[in-house]
Amino acid sequence: MTSFCLEPKPGDLIEIFRTGYMHWAIYVGDGYVIHLAPLGEYPGAGASSLFSVLTSKAVVKRERLQDVVGSCRYRINNILDHKYRPRPVHKILKSANEMIGAEMGYSVLENNCEHFVTKLRYDKAECGQTKVAKVLIEGGVALGLGVLAVMRYSVLKKRSQNQ
């Protein structure tokens, strides 16, 4: 379920539109979210958070939604509700609050903010952004290999014609 509603409910996933990627948080009530933030990221970091690809550590933070969003847009996006049943809200909130301050390993492709919040809401860590990136990377690699194969074939054919 996706909504541009400005009144999230506890347990809702919040998708924040940053430059070049989406940041994710989980709403815990009273204007606060809990999210996984690369070490050194400051509230409302926006485009500077692109540097998160260079870090391998992150910390779980509880911050005001508006501070995390900064000047970016956001929406409620319970992205996997069609696929999984959300955990009971009290369990989501208990798990999220118990993790505040925890330092965790971080990987843009395998353990990022979207994985973090989907694990809290559904007990399944998934990330649509990385699925798309992996398909594009794999497609790019396949295309590159195809181009190399065609080039190799051309070179070999030309050699055979010259002999």
N, C-alpha and C. Protein backbone atom coordinates (compact mmCIF):
# COMPACT_ATOMS: atom_id res chain seq x y z
N MET A 1 0.85 -1.18 0.00
CA MET A 1 0.00 0.00 0.00
C MET A 1 0.89 1.24 0.00
N THR A 2 0.66 2.14 -0.94
CA THR A 2 1.43 3.36 -1.07
C THR A 2 0.50 4.55 -0.87
N SER A 3 0.95 5.52 -0.09
CA SER A 3 0.11 6.68 0.16
C SER A 3 0.98 7.92 0.36
N PHE A 4 0.52 9.05 -0.17
CA PHE A 4 1.19 10.32 0.08
C PHE A 4 0.54 11.04 1.25
N CYS A 5 -0.22 10.30 2.04
CA CYS A 5 -0.86 10.81 3.25
C CYS A 5 0.22 11.34 4.20
N LEU A 6 -0.07 12.42 4.87
CA LEU A 6 0.90 13.00 5.79
C LEU A 6 0.75 12.50 7.22
N GLU A 7 -0.21 11.63 7.47
CA GLU A 7 -0.44 11.12 8.82
C GLU A 7 -0.15 9.62 8.89
N PRO A 8 1.12 9.25 9.01
CA PRO A 8 1.43 7.83 9.11
C PRO A 8 0.95 7.25 10.43
N LYS A 9 0.76 5.95 10.43
CA LYS A 9 0.39 5.22 11.65
C LYS A 9 1.61 4.45 12.13
N PRO A 10 1.73 4.20 13.43
CA PRO A 10 2.85 3.41 13.92
C PRO A 10 2.95 2.08 13.15
N GLY A 11 4.18 1.77 12.75
CA GLY A 11 4.44 0.56 11.99
C GLY A 11 4.50 0.79 10.49
N ASP A 12 4.06 1.98 10.02
CA ASP A 12 4.11 2.28 8.59
C ASP A 12 5.55 2.49 8.14
N LEU A 13 5.83 2.05 6.91
CA LEU A 13 7.13 2.31 6.30
C LEU A 13 7.08 3.67 5.62
N ILE A 14 8.13 4.44 5.80
CA ILE A 14 8.24 5.77 5.22
C ILE A 14 9.35 5.74 4.18
N GLU A 15 8.99 6.07 2.94
CA GLU A 15 9.95 6.14 1.84
C GLU A 15 10.28 7.61 1.61
N ILE A 16 11.56 7.95 1.69
CA ILE A 16 12.02 9.33 1.56
C ILE A 16 12.79 9.46 0.26
N PHE A 17 12.36 10.41 -0.57
CA PHE A 17 12.94 10.59 -1.90
C PHE A 17 14.17 11.47 -1.80
N ARG A 18 15.33 10.83 -1.78
CA ARG A 18 16.60 11.56 -1.75
C ARG A 18 17.16 11.61 -3.18
N THR A 19 18.12 12.42 -3.40
CA THR A 19 18.72 12.53 -4.73
C THR A 19 19.44 11.23 -5.08
N GLY A 20 18.93 10.54 -6.08
CA GLY A 20 19.59 9.33 -6.57
C GLY A 20 19.16 8.03 -5.91
N TYR A 21 18.41 8.07 -4.84
CA TYR A 21 17.99 6.85 -4.16
C TYR A 21 16.88 7.17 -3.17
N MET A 22 16.33 6.12 -2.56
CA MET A 22 15.30 6.29 -1.55
C MET A 22 15.88 5.90 -0.19
N HIS A 23 15.55 6.66 0.82
CA HIS A 23 15.90 6.29 2.20
C HIS A 23 14.61 5.80 2.85
N TRP A 24 14.73 4.84 3.75
CA TRP A 24 13.56 4.24 4.38
C TRP A 24 13.65 4.35 5.89
N ALA A 25 12.48 4.53 6.51
CA ALA A 25 12.37 4.59 7.97
C ALA A 25 11.06 3.91 8.35
N ILE A 26 10.89 3.66 9.63
CA ILE A 26 9.62 3.10 10.10
C ILE A 26 9.04 4.08 11.12
N TYR A 27 7.77 4.40 10.95
CA TYR A 27 7.11 5.37 11.82
C TYR A 27 6.77 4.70 13.15
N VAL A 28 7.13 5.38 14.25
CA VAL A 28 6.87 4.79 15.58
C VAL A 28 5.91 5.63 16.42
N GLY A 29 5.39 6.70 15.84
CA GLY A 29 4.40 7.51 16.54
C GLY A 29 4.95 8.83 17.05
N ASP A 30 4.04 9.75 17.37
CA ASP A 30 4.37 11.06 17.93
C ASP A 30 5.38 11.85 17.09
N GLY A 31 5.35 11.63 15.76
CA GLY A 31 6.24 12.37 14.88
C GLY A 31 7.63 11.79 14.73
N TYR A 32 7.87 10.59 15.26
CA TYR A 32 9.21 9.99 15.24
C TYR A 32 9.27 8.76 14.33
N VAL A 33 10.47 8.54 13.80
CA VAL A 33 10.77 7.34 13.02
C VAL A 33 12.03 6.70 13.59
N ILE A 34 12.20 5.44 13.26
CA ILE A 34 13.44 4.73 13.55
C ILE A 34 13.98 4.29 12.20
N HIS A 35 15.29 4.50 12.00
CA HIS A 35 15.90 4.17 10.70
C HIS A 35 17.35 3.77 10.89
N LEU A 36 17.87 3.12 9.86
CA LEU A 36 19.27 2.72 9.83
C LEU A 36 20.03 3.76 9.04
N ALA A 37 20.96 4.43 9.69
CA ALA A 37 21.69 5.52 9.05
C ALA A 37 23.19 5.23 9.07
N PRO A 38 23.84 5.41 7.93
CA PRO A 38 25.29 5.23 7.90
C PRO A 38 25.95 6.11 8.95
N LEU A 39 27.02 5.60 9.56
CA LEU A 39 27.73 6.39 10.57
C LEU A 39 28.16 7.72 9.98
N GLY A 40 27.97 8.77 10.73
CA GLY A 40 28.36 10.10 10.29
C GLY A 40 27.28 10.84 9.53
N GLU A 41 26.17 10.15 9.19
CA GLU A 41 25.08 10.85 8.50
C GLU A 41 24.39 11.76 9.50
N TYR A 42 24.07 12.95 9.07
CA TYR A 42 23.36 13.88 9.94
C TYR A 42 21.91 13.99 9.50
N PRO A 43 21.01 14.41 10.38
CA PRO A 43 19.59 14.51 10.02
C PRO A 43 19.38 15.36 8.78
N GLY A 44 18.48 14.90 7.91
CA GLY A 44 18.18 15.64 6.68
C GLY A 44 19.35 15.70 5.73
N ALA A 45 20.22 14.68 5.77
CA ALA A 45 21.46 14.70 5.01
C ALA A 45 21.25 14.82 3.51
N GLY A 46 20.13 14.34 3.02
CA GLY A 46 19.83 14.47 1.60
C GLY A 46 20.88 13.85 0.71
N ALA A 47 21.32 14.61 -0.30
CA ALA A 47 22.23 14.09 -1.31
C ALA A 47 23.56 13.64 -0.73
N SER A 48 24.00 14.23 0.38
CA SER A 48 25.28 13.83 0.95
C SER A 48 25.25 12.38 1.40
N SER A 49 24.03 11.83 1.60
CA SER A 49 23.92 10.44 2.01
C SER A 49 24.32 9.48 0.91
N LEU A 50 24.52 9.98 -0.30
CA LEU A 50 25.02 9.11 -1.36
C LEU A 50 26.38 8.54 -0.96
N PHE A 51 27.08 9.21 -0.06
CA PHE A 51 28.35 8.71 0.41
C PHE A 51 28.19 7.44 1.25
N SER A 52 26.94 7.09 1.57
CA SER A 52 26.69 5.87 2.34
C SER A 52 27.18 4.64 1.60
N VAL A 53 27.34 4.72 0.29
CA VAL A 53 27.84 3.56 -0.45
C VAL A 53 29.27 3.23 -0.05
N LEU A 54 29.96 4.17 0.58
CA LEU A 54 31.35 3.96 0.95
C LEU A 54 31.54 3.45 2.36
N THR A 55 30.46 3.31 3.11
CA THR A 55 30.59 2.90 4.50
C THR A 55 30.18 1.45 4.69
N SER A 56 30.71 0.84 5.75
CA SER A 56 30.33 -0.54 6.06
C SER A 56 29.67 -0.65 7.43
N LYS A 57 29.42 0.49 8.06
CA LYS A 57 28.78 0.52 9.39
C LYS A 57 27.65 1.53 9.40
N ALA A 58 26.62 1.20 10.16
CA ALA A 58 25.48 2.11 10.31
C ALA A 58 24.97 1.99 11.74
N VAL A 59 24.16 2.95 12.13
CA VAL A 59 23.60 2.95 13.48
C VAL A 59 22.08 3.13 13.39
N VAL A 60 21.37 2.50 14.28
CA VAL A 60 19.91 2.62 14.34
C VAL A 60 19.59 3.87 15.17
N LYS A 61 18.82 4.77 14.56
CA LYS A 61 18.50 6.04 15.20
C LYS A 61 16.99 6.23 15.33
N ARG A 62 16.60 6.93 16.37
CA ARG A 62 15.21 7.40 16.55
C ARG A 62 15.28 8.91 16.44
N GLU A 63 14.60 9.44 15.41
CA GLU A 63 14.64 10.88 15.16
C GLU A 63 13.27 11.35 14.69
N ARG A 64 13.07 12.65 14.77
CA ARG A 64 11.81 13.22 14.28
C ARG A 64 11.73 13.00 12.77
N LEU A 65 10.55 12.61 12.30
CA LEU A 65 10.35 12.38 10.88
C LEU A 65 10.79 13.58 10.06
N GLN A 66 10.38 14.77 10.46
CA GLN A 66 10.71 15.97 9.69
C GLN A 66 12.21 16.23 9.65
N ASP A 67 12.94 15.85 10.71
CA ASP A 67 14.40 16.02 10.70
C ASP A 67 15.06 15.05 9.73
N VAL A 68 14.53 13.84 9.66
CA VAL A 68 15.10 12.83 8.74
C VAL A 68 14.77 13.20 7.30
N VAL A 69 13.56 13.66 7.07
CA VAL A 69 13.11 14.02 5.72
C VAL A 69 13.83 15.27 5.22
N GLY A 70 14.04 16.23 6.10
CA GLY A 70 14.67 17.49 5.68
C GLY A 70 13.83 18.16 4.61
N SER A 71 14.45 18.56 3.51
CA SER A 71 13.73 19.23 2.42
C SER A 71 13.24 18.26 1.35
N CYS A 72 13.38 16.97 1.59
CA CYS A 72 12.96 15.95 0.63
C CYS A 72 11.46 15.65 0.77
N ARG A 73 10.92 14.98 -0.23
CA ARG A 73 9.54 14.50 -0.17
C ARG A 73 9.55 13.10 0.44
N TYR A 74 8.41 12.69 0.97
CA TYR A 74 8.29 11.33 1.49
C TYR A 74 6.86 10.84 1.30
N ARG A 75 6.69 9.54 1.46
CA ARG A 75 5.35 8.96 1.43
C ARG A 75 5.33 7.72 2.30
N ILE A 76 4.13 7.36 2.71
CA ILE A 76 3.93 6.07 3.38
C ILE A 76 3.94 5.02 2.27
N ASN A 77 4.76 3.99 2.44
CA ASN A 77 4.85 2.96 1.40
C ASN A 77 5.07 1.60 2.05
N ASN A 78 3.97 0.98 2.42
CA ASN A 78 4.04 -0.37 2.99
C ASN A 78 4.14 -1.36 1.83
N ILE A 79 5.28 -1.32 1.22
CA ILE A 79 5.56 -1.88 -0.09
C ILE A 79 5.28 -3.38 -0.24
N LEU A 80 5.39 -4.13 0.82
CA LEU A 80 5.24 -5.58 0.72
C LEU A 80 3.96 -6.11 1.35
N ASP A 81 3.02 -5.23 1.67
CA ASP A 81 1.76 -5.68 2.28
C ASP A 81 1.01 -6.67 1.38
N HIS A 82 1.19 -6.55 0.07
CA HIS A 82 0.52 -7.47 -0.85
C HIS A 82 1.17 -8.86 -0.84
N LYS A 83 2.39 -8.92 -0.36
CA LYS A 83 3.17 -10.16 -0.40
C LYS A 83 3.25 -10.86 0.96
N TYR A 84 3.37 -10.06 2.02
CA TYR A 84 3.52 -10.59 3.38
C TYR A 84 2.52 -9.93 4.32
N ARG A 85 2.17 -10.65 5.35
CA ARG A 85 1.33 -10.07 6.40
C ARG A 85 2.25 -9.30 7.36
N PRO A 86 1.94 -8.03 7.61
CA PRO A 86 2.75 -7.27 8.57
C PRO A 86 2.67 -7.90 9.97
N ARG A 87 3.76 -7.79 10.70
CA ARG A 87 3.77 -8.23 12.09
C ARG A 87 2.84 -7.32 12.89
N PRO A 88 2.35 -7.78 14.03
CA PRO A 88 1.54 -6.90 14.88
C PRO A 88 2.33 -5.63 15.24
N VAL A 89 1.63 -4.50 15.25
CA VAL A 89 2.28 -3.21 15.48
C VAL A 89 3.08 -3.20 16.78
N HIS A 90 2.54 -3.76 17.86
CA HIS A 90 3.28 -3.73 19.13
C HIS A 90 4.60 -4.49 19.02
N LYS A 91 4.64 -5.54 18.21
CA LYS A 91 5.90 -6.28 18.02
C LYS A 91 6.89 -5.49 17.15
N ILE A 92 6.36 -4.83 16.12
CA ILE A 92 7.22 -3.98 15.27
C ILE A 92 7.88 -2.90 16.13
N LEU A 93 7.06 -2.21 16.93
CA LEU A 93 7.58 -1.11 17.75
C LEU A 93 8.55 -1.60 18.81
N LYS A 94 8.25 -2.73 19.43
CA LYS A 94 9.15 -3.30 20.45
C LYS A 94 10.50 -3.63 19.83
N SER A 95 10.48 -4.31 18.68
CA SER A 95 11.74 -4.67 18.00
C SER A 95 12.52 -3.43 17.59
N ALA A 96 11.81 -2.46 17.02
CA ALA A 96 12.47 -1.24 16.55
C ALA A 96 13.10 -0.47 17.72
N ASN A 97 12.35 -0.30 18.81
CA ASN A 97 12.87 0.44 19.96
C ASN A 97 14.04 -0.26 20.62
N GLU A 98 14.03 -1.58 20.62
CA GLU A 98 15.14 -2.34 21.22
C GLU A 98 16.44 -2.17 20.43
N MET A 99 16.34 -1.76 19.18
CA MET A 99 17.52 -1.64 18.33
C MET A 99 18.14 -0.25 18.32
N ILE A 100 17.46 0.72 18.92
CA ILE A 100 17.98 2.09 18.91
C ILE A 100 19.39 2.11 19.51
N GLY A 101 20.29 2.76 18.78
CA GLY A 101 21.68 2.88 19.22
C GLY A 101 22.57 1.74 18.78
N ALA A 102 21.98 0.68 18.26
CA ALA A 102 22.80 -0.47 17.83
C ALA A 102 23.60 -0.10 16.59
N GLU A 103 24.86 -0.47 16.60
CA GLU A 103 25.71 -0.31 15.43
C GLU A 103 25.68 -1.62 14.66
N MET A 104 25.47 -1.53 13.36
CA MET A 104 25.30 -2.72 12.54
C MET A 104 26.17 -2.63 11.30
N GLY A 105 26.43 -3.80 10.71
CA GLY A 105 27.08 -3.82 9.41
C GLY A 105 26.15 -3.20 8.39
N TYR A 106 26.71 -2.55 7.39
CA TYR A 106 25.91 -1.87 6.37
C TYR A 106 26.47 -2.19 5.00
N SER A 107 25.57 -2.51 4.09
CA SER A 107 25.93 -2.73 2.69
C SER A 107 24.79 -2.21 1.84
N VAL A 108 25.10 -1.37 0.88
CA VAL A 108 24.07 -0.81 0.02
C VAL A 108 23.26 -1.91 -0.66
N LEU A 109 23.92 -3.00 -1.06
CA LEU A 109 23.23 -4.06 -1.79
C LEU A 109 22.60 -5.13 -0.91
N GLU A 110 23.13 -5.35 0.30
CA GLU A 110 22.66 -6.50 1.07
C GLU A 110 22.13 -6.20 2.47
N ASN A 111 22.41 -5.04 3.01
CA ASN A 111 21.95 -4.71 4.37
C ASN A 111 21.83 -3.20 4.51
N ASN A 112 20.78 -2.65 3.89
CA ASN A 112 20.62 -1.20 3.90
C ASN A 112 19.36 -0.81 4.68
N CYS A 113 18.98 0.45 4.60
CA CYS A 113 17.85 0.97 5.37
C CYS A 113 16.52 0.32 4.97
N GLU A 114 16.35 -0.02 3.71
CA GLU A 114 15.11 -0.68 3.28
C GLU A 114 15.06 -2.11 3.80
N HIS A 115 16.17 -2.83 3.74
CA HIS A 115 16.22 -4.16 4.35
C HIS A 115 15.85 -4.08 5.83
N PHE A 116 16.39 -3.08 6.51
CA PHE A 116 16.18 -2.91 7.94
C PHE A 116 14.69 -2.75 8.27
N VAL A 117 14.00 -1.83 7.58
CA VAL A 117 12.60 -1.58 7.93
C VAL A 117 11.66 -2.70 7.47
N THR A 118 11.97 -3.33 6.34
CA THR A 118 11.10 -4.44 5.90
C THR A 118 11.25 -5.63 6.84
N LYS A 119 12.44 -5.82 7.40
CA LYS A 119 12.64 -6.88 8.40
C LYS A 119 11.79 -6.58 9.64
N LEU A 120 11.74 -5.33 10.06
CA LEU A 120 10.93 -4.96 11.22
C LEU A 120 9.44 -5.17 10.95
N ARG A 121 8.95 -4.73 9.81
CA ARG A 121 7.51 -4.80 9.53
C ARG A 121 7.03 -6.20 9.15
N TYR A 122 7.82 -6.90 8.34
CA TYR A 122 7.36 -8.19 7.78
C TYR A 122 8.13 -9.40 8.28
N ASP A 123 9.22 -9.15 9.01
CA ASP A 123 10.16 -10.21 9.38
C ASP A 123 10.83 -10.81 8.15
N LYS A 124 10.91 -10.01 7.09
CA LYS A 124 11.58 -10.39 5.84
C LYS A 124 12.38 -9.18 5.38
N ALA A 125 13.68 -9.33 5.26
CA ALA A 125 14.52 -8.23 4.81
C ALA A 125 14.60 -8.24 3.28
N GLU A 126 13.95 -7.26 2.65
CA GLU A 126 13.96 -7.15 1.20
C GLU A 126 14.19 -5.70 0.79
N CYS A 127 14.72 -5.55 -0.41
CA CYS A 127 14.97 -4.20 -0.92
C CYS A 127 14.72 -4.16 -2.42
N GLY A 128 13.68 -3.47 -2.82
CA GLY A 128 13.36 -3.34 -4.23
C GLY A 128 14.42 -2.58 -5.00
N GLN A 129 15.04 -1.58 -4.37
CA GLN A 129 16.07 -0.79 -5.05
C GLN A 129 17.24 -1.66 -5.48
N THR A 130 17.67 -2.56 -4.59
CA THR A 130 18.83 -3.38 -4.93
C THR A 130 18.47 -4.46 -5.93
N LYS A 131 17.22 -4.92 -5.93
CA LYS A 131 16.80 -5.89 -6.95
C LYS A 131 16.92 -5.26 -8.33
N VAL A 132 16.46 -4.02 -8.45
CA VAL A 132 16.56 -3.31 -9.73
C VAL A 132 18.02 -3.10 -10.09
N ALA A 133 18.83 -2.68 -9.13
CA ALA A 133 20.25 -2.44 -9.40
C ALA A 133 20.95 -3.72 -9.85
N LYS A 134 20.65 -4.84 -9.18
CA LYS A 134 21.28 -6.11 -9.56
C LYS A 134 20.89 -6.51 -10.97
N VAL A 135 19.63 -6.32 -11.35
CA VAL A 135 19.19 -6.65 -12.71
C VAL A 135 19.94 -5.77 -13.72
N LEU A 136 20.05 -4.47 -13.41
CA LEU A 136 20.75 -3.57 -14.32
C LEU A 136 22.23 -3.93 -14.42
N ILE A 137 22.84 -4.26 -13.28
CA ILE A 137 24.25 -4.64 -13.30
C ILE A 137 24.44 -5.93 -14.09
N GLU A 138 23.61 -6.93 -13.78
CA GLU A 138 23.72 -8.20 -14.50
C GLU A 138 23.45 -8.01 -15.98
N GLY A 139 22.47 -7.17 -16.32
CA GLY A 139 22.18 -6.88 -17.72
C GLY A 139 23.34 -6.18 -18.39
N GLY A 140 23.96 -5.26 -17.67
CA GLY A 140 25.12 -4.55 -18.20
C GLY A 140 26.29 -5.49 -18.43
N VAL A 141 26.51 -6.39 -17.50
CA VAL A 141 27.59 -7.38 -17.63
C VAL A 141 27.30 -8.27 -18.83
N ALA A 142 26.07 -8.75 -18.95
CA ALA A 142 25.70 -9.61 -20.07
C ALA A 142 25.87 -8.87 -21.39
N LEU A 143 25.46 -7.61 -21.44
CA LEU A 143 25.62 -6.81 -22.65
C LEU A 143 27.10 -6.65 -22.99
N GLY A 144 27.89 -6.35 -21.95
CA GLY A 144 29.33 -6.20 -22.16
C GLY A 144 29.96 -7.47 -22.68
N LEU A 145 29.58 -8.61 -22.13
CA LEU A 145 30.12 -9.89 -22.59
C LEU A 145 29.68 -10.17 -24.02
N GLY A 146 28.44 -9.80 -24.34
CA GLY A 146 27.95 -9.98 -25.70
C GLY A 146 28.74 -9.14 -26.69
N VAL A 147 29.02 -7.90 -26.34
CA VAL A 147 29.80 -7.01 -27.20
C VAL A 147 31.20 -7.58 -27.38
N LEU A 148 31.81 -8.05 -26.30
CA LEU A 148 33.15 -8.65 -26.40
C LEU A 148 33.14 -9.88 -27.30
N ALA A 149 32.09 -10.70 -27.19
CA ALA A 149 32.00 -11.91 -28.03
C ALA A 149 31.89 -11.53 -29.50
N VAL A 150 31.08 -10.52 -29.79
CA VAL A 150 30.93 -10.08 -31.18
C VAL A 150 32.26 -9.53 -31.70
N MET A 151 32.94 -8.74 -30.86
CA MET A 151 34.24 -8.18 -31.27
C MET A 151 35.26 -9.31 -31.52
N ARG A 152 35.27 -10.30 -30.63
CA ARG A 152 36.20 -11.42 -30.78
C ARG A 152 35.89 -12.18 -32.07
N TYR A 153 34.61 -12.41 -32.33
CA TYR A 153 34.20 -13.11 -33.55
C TYR A 153 34.66 -12.32 -34.78
N SER A 154 34.49 -11.00 -34.75
CA SER A 154 34.91 -10.16 -35.87
C SER A 154 36.40 -10.26 -36.12
N VAL A 155 37.18 -10.20 -35.05
CA VAL A 155 38.63 -10.27 -35.16
C VAL A 155 39.04 -11.63 -35.72
N LEU A 156 38.46 -12.70 -35.19
CA LEU A 156 38.81 -14.04 -35.66
C LEU A 156 38.40 -14.23 -37.12
N LYS A 157 37.25 -13.73 -37.50
CA LYS A 157 36.77 -13.84 -38.88
C LYS A 157 37.70 -13.09 -39.82
N LYS A 158 38.11 -11.88 -39.40
CA LYS A 158 39.00 -11.07 -40.23
C LYS A 158 40.35 -11.76 -40.39
N ARG A 159 40.86 -12.37 -39.29
CA ARG A 159 42.13 -13.10 -39.36
C ARG A 159 42.03 -14.26 -40.34
N SER A 160 40.92 -14.98 -40.25
CA SER A 160 40.76 -16.16 -41.11
C SER A 160 40.65 -15.74 -42.58
N GLN A 161 40.05 -14.58 -42.85
CA GLN A 161 39.95 -14.09 -44.22
C GLN A 161 41.32 -13.64 -44.76
N ASN A 162 42.15 -13.13 -43.88
CA ASN A 162 43.47 -12.64 -44.27
C ASN A 162 44.46 -13.78 -44.51
N GLN A 163 44.17 -14.97 -44.03
CA GLN A 163 45.11 -16.07 -44.17
C GLN A 163 44.95 -16.82 -45.44
